[in-house]
Amino acid sequence: MVSKKGIVLTGVMLAAITGASFVIWLVPQDGKTTFVVTDFEGYLDGVRNIHEILQESLHAEYQMLLDGNVLPQEYDIAADGTASQITAEISRLVTSEPPAEWTDSYISYMESMRSFNSYIEETRVVSSMIAGGADASEAIQKTEELKEESEAHARMSDESRP
Protein backbone atom coordinates (compact mmCIF):
# COMPACT_ATOMS: atom_id res chain seq x y z
CA MET A 1 0.00 0.00 0.00
CA VAL A 2 2.25 2.77 1.22
CA SER A 3 5.72 2.61 -0.20
CA LYS A 4 8.85 3.94 1.40
CA LYS A 5 9.59 5.87 -1.79
CA GLY A 6 6.23 7.68 -1.61
CA ILE A 7 6.74 8.68 2.01
CA VAL A 8 10.22 10.04 1.27
CA LEU A 9 8.95 11.93 -1.79
CA THR A 10 6.10 13.46 0.23
CA GLY A 11 8.54 14.48 2.98
CA VAL A 12 10.88 16.11 0.47
CA MET A 13 8.00 18.02 -1.11
CA LEU A 14 6.77 19.27 2.27
CA ALA A 15 10.30 20.35 3.22
CA ALA A 16 10.71 22.20 -0.10
CA ILE A 17 7.39 24.01 0.29
CA THR A 18 8.18 24.94 3.89
CA GLY A 19 11.67 26.13 2.93
CA ALA A 20 10.35 28.21 0.02
CA SER A 21 7.70 29.79 2.25
CA PHE A 22 10.34 30.67 4.83
CA VAL A 23 12.59 32.25 2.18
CA ILE A 24 9.70 34.33 0.83
CA TRP A 25 8.92 35.47 4.36
CA LEU A 26 12.54 36.61 4.86
CA VAL A 27 12.86 38.53 1.58
CA PRO A 28 12.03 42.24 2.00
CA GLN A 29 8.74 43.15 0.33
CA ASP A 30 9.36 46.85 -0.39
CA GLY A 31 10.85 46.01 -3.80
CA LYS A 32 13.08 49.11 -3.85
CA THR A 33 16.56 48.38 -5.09
CA THR A 34 19.36 50.86 -4.71
CA PHE A 35 22.62 50.78 -6.61
CA VAL A 36 25.55 52.55 -5.01
CA VAL A 37 27.61 54.17 -7.73
CA THR A 38 30.84 56.06 -7.14
CA ASP A 39 32.34 56.13 -10.65
CA PHE A 40 29.60 57.88 -12.59
CA GLU A 41 31.59 58.13 -15.80
CA GLY A 42 32.47 54.44 -15.77
CA TYR A 43 28.91 53.50 -14.89
CA LEU A 44 27.47 55.54 -17.77
CA ASP A 45 30.11 54.10 -20.11
CA GLY A 46 29.09 50.59 -19.07
CA VAL A 47 25.42 51.28 -19.69
CA ARG A 48 26.33 52.84 -23.04
CA ASN A 49 28.35 49.74 -24.05
CA ILE A 50 25.42 47.47 -23.21
CA HIS A 51 23.09 49.77 -25.16
CA GLU A 52 25.38 49.72 -28.21
CA ILE A 53 25.60 45.92 -28.19
CA LEU A 54 21.81 45.65 -27.95
CA GLN A 55 21.41 48.18 -30.78
CA GLU A 56 23.80 46.30 -33.06
CA SER A 57 22.26 42.90 -32.43
CA LEU A 58 18.69 44.13 -32.89
CA HIS A 59 19.63 46.11 -36.01
CA ALA A 60 21.10 42.92 -37.52
CA GLU A 61 17.87 41.04 -36.72
CA TYR A 62 15.80 43.90 -38.17
CA GLN A 63 17.81 43.89 -41.40
CA MET A 64 17.29 40.13 -41.69
CA LEU A 65 13.55 40.72 -41.15
CA LEU A 66 13.48 43.32 -43.93
CA ASP A 67 15.49 41.01 -46.20
CA GLY A 68 13.08 38.14 -45.53
CA ASN A 69 15.67 35.99 -43.73
CA VAL A 70 13.86 36.06 -40.36
CA LEU A 71 10.18 35.41 -39.70
CA PRO A 72 8.24 38.24 -38.03
CA GLN A 73 7.50 36.01 -35.03
CA GLU A 74 11.21 35.33 -34.54
CA TYR A 75 11.98 39.03 -34.78
CA ASP A 76 9.29 39.85 -32.22
CA ILE A 77 10.94 37.51 -29.71
CA ALA A 78 14.30 39.24 -30.19
CA ALA A 79 12.65 42.68 -29.96
CA ASP A 80 10.84 41.76 -26.73
CA GLY A 81 14.07 40.61 -25.11
CA THR A 82 15.95 43.71 -26.18
CA ALA A 83 13.18 46.04 -25.00
CA SER A 84 13.14 44.46 -21.56
CA GLN A 85 16.93 44.76 -21.29
CA ILE A 86 16.80 48.43 -22.30
CA THR A 87 14.07 49.05 -19.72
CA ALA A 88 16.25 47.42 -17.06
CA GLU A 89 19.18 49.65 -18.03
CA ILE A 90 16.97 52.75 -17.81
CA SER A 91 15.91 51.65 -14.32
CA ARG A 92 19.54 51.20 -13.32
CA LEU A 93 20.33 54.75 -14.44
CA VAL A 94 17.32 56.14 -12.58
CA THR A 95 18.28 54.45 -9.31
CA SER A 96 21.97 55.39 -9.53
CA GLU A 97 21.26 58.97 -8.38
CA PRO A 98 24.08 60.84 -10.14
CA PRO A 99 25.47 64.06 -8.67
CA ALA A 100 24.37 67.40 -10.13
CA GLU A 101 27.26 67.64 -12.60
CA TRP A 102 26.30 64.28 -14.16
CA THR A 103 22.51 64.73 -14.13
CA ASP A 104 22.18 66.28 -17.61
CA SER A 105 24.32 63.57 -19.18
CA TYR A 106 22.39 60.79 -17.45
CA ILE A 107 19.02 62.29 -18.39
CA SER A 108 20.06 62.66 -22.03
CA TYR A 109 21.23 59.06 -22.12
CA MET A 110 18.00 57.85 -20.55
CA GLU A 111 16.17 59.75 -23.31
CA SER A 112 18.38 58.01 -25.85
CA MET A 113 17.36 54.64 -24.47
CA ARG A 114 13.68 55.63 -24.32
CA SER A 115 13.87 56.66 -27.97
CA PHE A 116 15.51 53.32 -28.72
CA ASN A 117 12.62 51.55 -26.99
CA SER A 118 10.24 53.55 -29.21
CA TYR A 119 12.33 52.44 -32.18
CA ILE A 120 11.93 48.83 -31.07
CA GLU A 121 8.16 49.24 -30.81
CA GLU A 122 8.02 50.75 -34.29
CA THR A 123 10.11 47.88 -35.71
CA ARG A 124 7.54 45.53 -34.19
CA VAL A 125 4.87 47.47 -36.11
CA VAL A 126 6.92 46.88 -39.28
CA SER A 127 7.17 43.20 -38.36
CA SER A 128 3.41 42.99 -37.92
CA MET A 129 2.83 44.72 -41.26
CA ILE A 130 5.23 42.32 -42.98
CA ALA A 131 3.42 39.37 -41.39
CA GLY A 132 0.11 40.75 -42.67
CA GLY A 133 1.47 41.49 -46.13
CA ALA A 134 0.89 45.25 -45.82
CA ASP A 135 3.08 48.05 -47.19
CA ALA A 136 5.45 49.04 -44.37
CA SER A 137 7.37 51.86 -46.09
CA GLU A 138 5.99 54.64 -43.85
CA ALA A 139 6.65 52.63 -40.70
CA ILE A 140 10.18 51.86 -41.90
CA GLN A 141 10.77 55.59 -42.37
CA LYS A 142 9.50 56.22 -38.83
CA THR A 143 11.95 53.63 -37.46
CA GLU A 144 14.81 55.53 -39.07
CA GLU A 145 13.63 58.79 -37.50
CA LEU A 146 13.44 57.19 -34.05
CA LYS A 147 16.89 55.67 -34.48
CA GLU A 148 18.31 59.10 -35.38
CA GLU A 149 16.53 60.63 -32.37
CA SER A 150 18.12 58.04 -30.09
CA GLU A 151 21.55 58.77 -31.55
CA ALA A 152 21.01 62.53 -31.13
CA HIS A 153 20.21 62.09 -27.42
CA ALA A 154 23.34 59.95 -27.01
CA ARG A 155 25.43 62.74 -28.57
CA MET A 156 23.78 65.27 -26.24
CA SER A 157 24.72 63.02 -23.33
CA ASP A 158 28.35 62.97 -24.47
CA GLU A 159 28.39 66.74 -24.90
CA SER A 160 26.97 67.38 -21.43
CA ARG A 161 29.49 65.23 -19.56
CA PRO A 162 31.54 67.15 -16.98
C-alpha atoms as a PDB file:
ATOM      1  CA  MET A   1       0.000   0.000   0.000  1.00  0.00           C
ATOM      2  CA  VAL A   2       2.251   2.768   1.222  1.00  0.00           C
ATOM      3  CA  SER A   3       5.720   2.614  -0.198  1.00  0.00           C
ATOM      4  CA  LYS A   4       8.853   3.945   1.398  1.00  0.00           C
ATOM      5  CA  LYS A   5       9.591   5.875  -1.787  1.00  0.00           C
ATOM      6  CA  GLY A   6       6.229   7.678  -1.606  1.00  0.00           C
ATOM      7  CA  ILE A   7       6.741   8.675   2.014  1.00  0.00           C
ATOM      8  CA  VAL A   8      10.222  10.038   1.269  1.00  0.00           C
ATOM      9  CA  LEU A   9       8.951  11.932  -1.788  1.00  0.00           C
ATOM     10  CA  THR A  10       6.103  13.458   0.232  1.00  0.00           C
ATOM     11  CA  GLY A  11       8.539  14.475   2.983  1.00  0.00           C
ATOM     12  CA  VAL A  12      10.884  16.110   0.466  1.00  0.00           C
ATOM     13  CA  MET A  13       8.003  18.020  -1.113  1.00  0.00           C
ATOM     14  CA  LEU A  14       6.774  19.267   2.270  1.00  0.00           C
ATOM     15  CA  ALA A  15      10.296  20.349   3.218  1.00  0.00           C
ATOM     16  CA  ALA A  16      10.711  22.199  -0.097  1.00  0.00           C
ATOM     17  CA  ILE A  17       7.390  24.012   0.291  1.00  0.00           C
ATOM     18  CA  THR A  18       8.177  24.939   3.894  1.00  0.00           C
ATOM     19  CA  GLY A  19      11.668  26.132   2.926  1.00  0.00           C
ATOM     20  CA  ALA A  20      10.351  28.206   0.024  1.00  0.00           C
ATOM     21  CA  SER A  21       7.703  29.788   2.254  1.00  0.00           C
ATOM     22  CA  PHE A  22      10.344  30.667   4.826  1.00  0.00           C
ATOM     23  CA  VAL A  23      12.592  32.253   2.177  1.00  0.00           C
ATOM     24  CA  ILE A  24       9.703  34.334   0.827  1.00  0.00           C
ATOM     25  CA  TRP A  25       8.922  35.474   4.364  1.00  0.00           C
ATOM     26  CA  LEU A  26      12.542  36.606   4.865  1.00  0.00           C
ATOM     27  CA  VAL A  27      12.863  38.532   1.583  1.00  0.00           C
ATOM     28  CA  PRO A  28      12.026  42.240   1.997  1.00  0.00           C
ATOM     29  CA  GLN A  29       8.744  43.149   0.333  1.00  0.00           C
ATOM     30  CA  ASP A  30       9.365  46.849  -0.387  1.00  0.00           C
ATOM     31  CA  GLY A  31      10.852  46.014  -3.801  1.00  0.00           C
ATOM     32  CA  LYS A  32      13.080  49.105  -3.850  1.00  0.00           C
ATOM     33  CA  THR A  33      16.562  48.378  -5.094  1.00  0.00           C
ATOM     34  CA  THR A  34      19.363  50.865  -4.707  1.00  0.00           C
ATOM     35  CA  PHE A  35      22.621  50.784  -6.609  1.00  0.00           C
ATOM     36  CA  VAL A  36      25.551  52.554  -5.009  1.00  0.00           C
ATOM     37  CA  VAL A  37      27.615  54.170  -7.733  1.00  0.00           C
ATOM     38  CA  THR A  38      30.838  56.064  -7.135  1.00  0.00           C
ATOM     39  CA  ASP A  39      32.339  56.129 -10.649  1.00  0.00           C
ATOM     40  CA  PHE A  40      29.595  57.877 -12.587  1.00  0.00           C
ATOM     41  CA  GLU A  41      31.590  58.133 -15.800  1.00  0.00           C
ATOM     42  CA  GLY A  42      32.467  54.441 -15.773  1.00  0.00           C
ATOM     43  CA  TYR A  43      28.914  53.502 -14.891  1.00  0.00           C
ATOM     44  CA  LEU A  44      27.472  55.542 -17.767  1.00  0.00           C
ATOM     45  CA  ASP A  45      30.114  54.098 -20.110  1.00  0.00           C
ATOM     46  CA  GLY A  46      29.090  50.586 -19.069  1.00  0.00           C
ATOM     47  CA  VAL A  47      25.415  51.282 -19.695  1.00  0.00           C
ATOM     48  CA  ARG A  48      26.333  52.836 -23.040  1.00  0.00           C
ATOM     49  CA  ASN A  49      28.350  49.742 -24.047  1.00  0.00           C
ATOM     50  CA  ILE A  50      25.421  47.470 -23.208  1.00  0.00           C
ATOM     51  CA  HIS A  51      23.088  49.766 -25.160  1.00  0.00           C
ATOM     52  CA  GLU A  52      25.383  49.719 -28.209  1.00  0.00           C
ATOM     53  CA  ILE A  53      25.598  45.922 -28.187  1.00  0.00           C
ATOM     54  CA  LEU A  54      21.812  45.647 -27.950  1.00  0.00           C
ATOM     55  CA  GLN A  55      21.414  48.181 -30.781  1.00  0.00           C
ATOM     56  CA  GLU A  56      23.804  46.298 -33.057  1.00  0.00           C
ATOM     57  CA  SER A  57      22.260  42.896 -32.431  1.00  0.00           C
ATOM     58  CA  LEU A  58      18.693  44.131 -32.891  1.00  0.00           C
ATOM     59  CA  HIS A  59      19.625  46.106 -36.008  1.00  0.00           C
ATOM     60  CA  ALA A  60      21.096  42.921 -37.519  1.00  0.00           C
ATOM     61  CA  GLU A  61      17.865  41.039 -36.725  1.00  0.00           C
ATOM     62  CA  TYR A  62      15.805  43.899 -38.168  1.00  0.00           C
ATOM     63  CA  GLN A  63      17.815  43.887 -41.399  1.00  0.00           C
ATOM     64  CA  MET A  64      17.289  40.131 -41.686  1.00  0.00           C
ATOM     65  CA  LEU A  65      13.550  40.717 -41.154  1.00  0.00           C
ATOM     66  CA  LEU A  66      13.484  43.321 -43.930  1.00  0.00           C
ATOM     67  CA  ASP A  67      15.488  41.006 -46.199  1.00  0.00           C
ATOM     68  CA  GLY A  68      13.081  38.139 -45.527  1.00  0.00           C
ATOM     69  CA  ASN A  69      15.667  35.989 -43.730  1.00  0.00           C
ATOM     70  CA  VAL A  70      13.859  36.060 -40.361  1.00  0.00           C
ATOM     71  CA  LEU A  71      10.182  35.414 -39.696  1.00  0.00           C
ATOM     72  CA  PRO A  72       8.244  38.243 -38.029  1.00  0.00           C
ATOM     73  CA  GLN A  73       7.498  36.012 -35.029  1.00  0.00           C
ATOM     74  CA  GLU A  74      11.215  35.333 -34.537  1.00  0.00           C
ATOM     75  CA  TYR A  75      11.985  39.032 -34.783  1.00  0.00           C
ATOM     76  CA  ASP A  76       9.292  39.854 -32.222  1.00  0.00           C
ATOM     77  CA  ILE A  77      10.936  37.513 -29.714  1.00  0.00           C
ATOM     78  CA  ALA A  78      14.300  39.245 -30.189  1.00  0.00           C
ATOM     79  CA  ALA A  79      12.654  42.676 -29.959  1.00  0.00           C
ATOM     80  CA  ASP A  80      10.844  41.763 -26.732  1.00  0.00           C
ATOM     81  CA  GLY A  81      14.074  40.608 -25.113  1.00  0.00           C
ATOM     82  CA  THR A  82      15.954  43.715 -26.181  1.00  0.00           C
ATOM     83  CA  ALA A  83      13.178  46.045 -25.003  1.00  0.00           C
ATOM     84  CA  SER A  84      13.142  44.456 -21.557  1.00  0.00           C
ATOM     85  CA  GLN A  85      16.933  44.755 -21.294  1.00  0.00           C
ATOM     86  CA  ILE A  86      16.799  48.428 -22.298  1.00  0.00           C
ATOM     87  CA  THR A  87      14.068  49.054 -19.721  1.00  0.00           C
ATOM     88  CA  ALA A  88      16.249  47.415 -17.063  1.00  0.00           C
ATOM     89  CA  GLU A  89      19.183  49.648 -18.026  1.00  0.00           C
ATOM     90  CA  ILE A  90      16.975  52.747 -17.807  1.00  0.00           C
ATOM     91  CA  SER A  91      15.913  51.648 -14.320  1.00  0.00           C
ATOM     92  CA  ARG A  92      19.542  51.203 -13.318  1.00  0.00           C
ATOM     93  CA  LEU A  93      20.331  54.751 -14.436  1.00  0.00           C
ATOM     94  CA  VAL A  94      17.320  56.145 -12.583  1.00  0.00           C
ATOM     95  CA  THR A  95      18.281  54.446  -9.314  1.00  0.00           C
ATOM     96  CA  SER A  96      21.971  55.394  -9.532  1.00  0.00           C
ATOM     97  CA  GLU A  97      21.262  58.973  -8.376  1.00  0.00           C
ATOM     98  CA  PRO A  98      24.081  60.844 -10.142  1.00  0.00           C
ATOM     99  CA  PRO A  99      25.471  64.063  -8.671  1.00  0.00           C
ATOM    100  CA  ALA A 100      24.369  67.404 -10.131  1.00  0.00           C
ATOM    101  CA  GLU A 101      27.255  67.635 -12.597  1.00  0.00           C
ATOM    102  CA  TRP A 102      26.296  64.280 -14.163  1.00  0.00           C
ATOM    103  CA  THR A 103      22.508  64.731 -14.133  1.00  0.00           C
ATOM    104  CA  ASP A 104      22.177  66.283 -17.606  1.00  0.00           C
ATOM    105  CA  SER A 105      24.316  63.575 -19.182  1.00  0.00           C
ATOM    106  CA  TYR A 106      22.391  60.794 -17.451  1.00  0.00           C
ATOM    107  CA  ILE A 107      19.017  62.294 -18.386  1.00  0.00           C
ATOM    108  CA  SER A 108      20.059  62.659 -22.030  1.00  0.00           C
ATOM    109  CA  TYR A 109      21.230  59.065 -22.116  1.00  0.00           C
ATOM    110  CA  MET A 110      17.995  57.851 -20.547  1.00  0.00           C
ATOM    111  CA  GLU A 111      16.167  59.747 -23.308  1.00  0.00           C
ATOM    112  CA  SER A 112      18.384  58.009 -25.850  1.00  0.00           C
ATOM    113  CA  MET A 113      17.363  54.636 -24.466  1.00  0.00           C
ATOM    114  CA  ARG A 114      13.678  55.629 -24.317  1.00  0.00           C
ATOM    115  CA  SER A 115      13.874  56.660 -27.972  1.00  0.00           C
ATOM    116  CA  PHE A 116      15.513  53.316 -28.724  1.00  0.00           C
ATOM    117  CA  ASN A 117      12.618  51.552 -26.985  1.00  0.00           C
ATOM    118  CA  SER A 118      10.239  53.551 -29.205  1.00  0.00           C
ATOM    119  CA  TYR A 119      12.332  52.438 -32.182  1.00  0.00           C
ATOM    120  CA  ILE A 120      11.929  48.830 -31.069  1.00  0.00           C
ATOM    121  CA  GLU A 121       8.157  49.238 -30.811  1.00  0.00           C
ATOM    122  CA  GLU A 122       8.017  50.753 -34.292  1.00  0.00           C
ATOM    123  CA  THR A 123      10.107  47.881 -35.708  1.00  0.00           C
ATOM    124  CA  ARG A 124       7.538  45.530 -34.195  1.00  0.00           C
ATOM    125  CA  VAL A 125       4.872  47.468 -36.114  1.00  0.00           C
ATOM    126  CA  VAL A 126       6.917  46.876 -39.275  1.00  0.00           C
ATOM    127  CA  SER A 127       7.174  43.196 -38.363  1.00  0.00           C
ATOM    128  CA  SER A 128       3.412  42.987 -37.924  1.00  0.00           C
ATOM    129  CA  MET A 129       2.830  44.715 -41.259  1.00  0.00           C
ATOM    130  CA  ILE A 130       5.226  42.323 -42.984  1.00  0.00           C
ATOM    131  CA  ALA A 131       3.424  39.368 -41.387  1.00  0.00           C
ATOM    132  CA  GLY A 132       0.114  40.751 -42.667  1.00  0.00           C
ATOM    133  CA  GLY A 133       1.474  41.485 -46.133  1.00  0.00           C
ATOM    134  CA  ALA A 134       0.892  45.255 -45.822  1.00  0.00           C
ATOM    135  CA  ASP A 135       3.081  48.050 -47.188  1.00  0.00           C
ATOM    136  CA  ALA A 136       5.454  49.037 -44.374  1.00  0.00           C
ATOM    137  CA  SER A 137       7.368  51.859 -46.094  1.00  0.00           C
ATOM    138  CA  GLU A 138       5.989  54.637 -43.851  1.00  0.00           C
ATOM    139  CA  ALA A 139       6.653  52.634 -40.701  1.00  0.00           C
ATOM    140  CA  ILE A 140      10.179  51.856 -41.899  1.00  0.00           C
ATOM    141  CA  GLN A 141      10.767  55.594 -42.365  1.00  0.00           C
ATOM    142  CA  LYS A 142       9.497  56.219 -38.828  1.00  0.00           C
ATOM    143  CA  THR A 143      11.952  53.632 -37.461  1.00  0.00           C
ATOM    144  CA  GLU A 144      14.814  55.532 -39.068  1.00  0.00           C
ATOM    145  CA  GLU A 145      13.629  58.793 -37.498  1.00  0.00           C
ATOM    146  CA  LEU A 146      13.438  57.189 -34.053  1.00  0.00           C
ATOM    147  CA  LYS A 147      16.887  55.667 -34.480  1.00  0.00           C
ATOM    148  CA  GLU A 148      18.306  59.100 -35.378  1.00  0.00           C
ATOM    149  CA  GLU A 149      16.528  60.630 -32.367  1.00  0.00           C
ATOM    150  CA  SER A 150      18.117  58.039 -30.087  1.00  0.00           C
ATOM    151  CA  GLU A 151      21.555  58.767 -31.545  1.00  0.00           C
ATOM    152  CA  ALA A 152      21.009  62.534 -31.127  1.00  0.00           C
ATOM    153  CA  HIS A 153      20.208  62.094 -27.422  1.00  0.00           C
ATOM    154  CA  ALA A 154      23.336  59.951 -27.014  1.00  0.00           C
ATOM    155  CA  ARG A 155      25.428  62.741 -28.574  1.00  0.00           C
ATOM    156  CA  MET A 156      23.776  65.267 -26.235  1.00  0.00           C
ATOM    157  CA  SER A 157      24.715  63.020 -23.329  1.00  0.00           C
ATOM    158  CA  ASP A 158      28.348  62.971 -24.465  1.00  0.00           C
ATOM    159  CA  GLU A 159      28.392  66.742 -24.905  1.00  0.00           C
ATOM    160  CA  SER A 160      26.974  67.381 -21.430  1.00  0.00           C
ATOM    161  CA  ARG A 161      29.489  65.235 -19.564  1.00  0.00           C
ATOM    162  CA  PRO A 162      31.540  67.149 -16.976  1.00  0.00           C
END
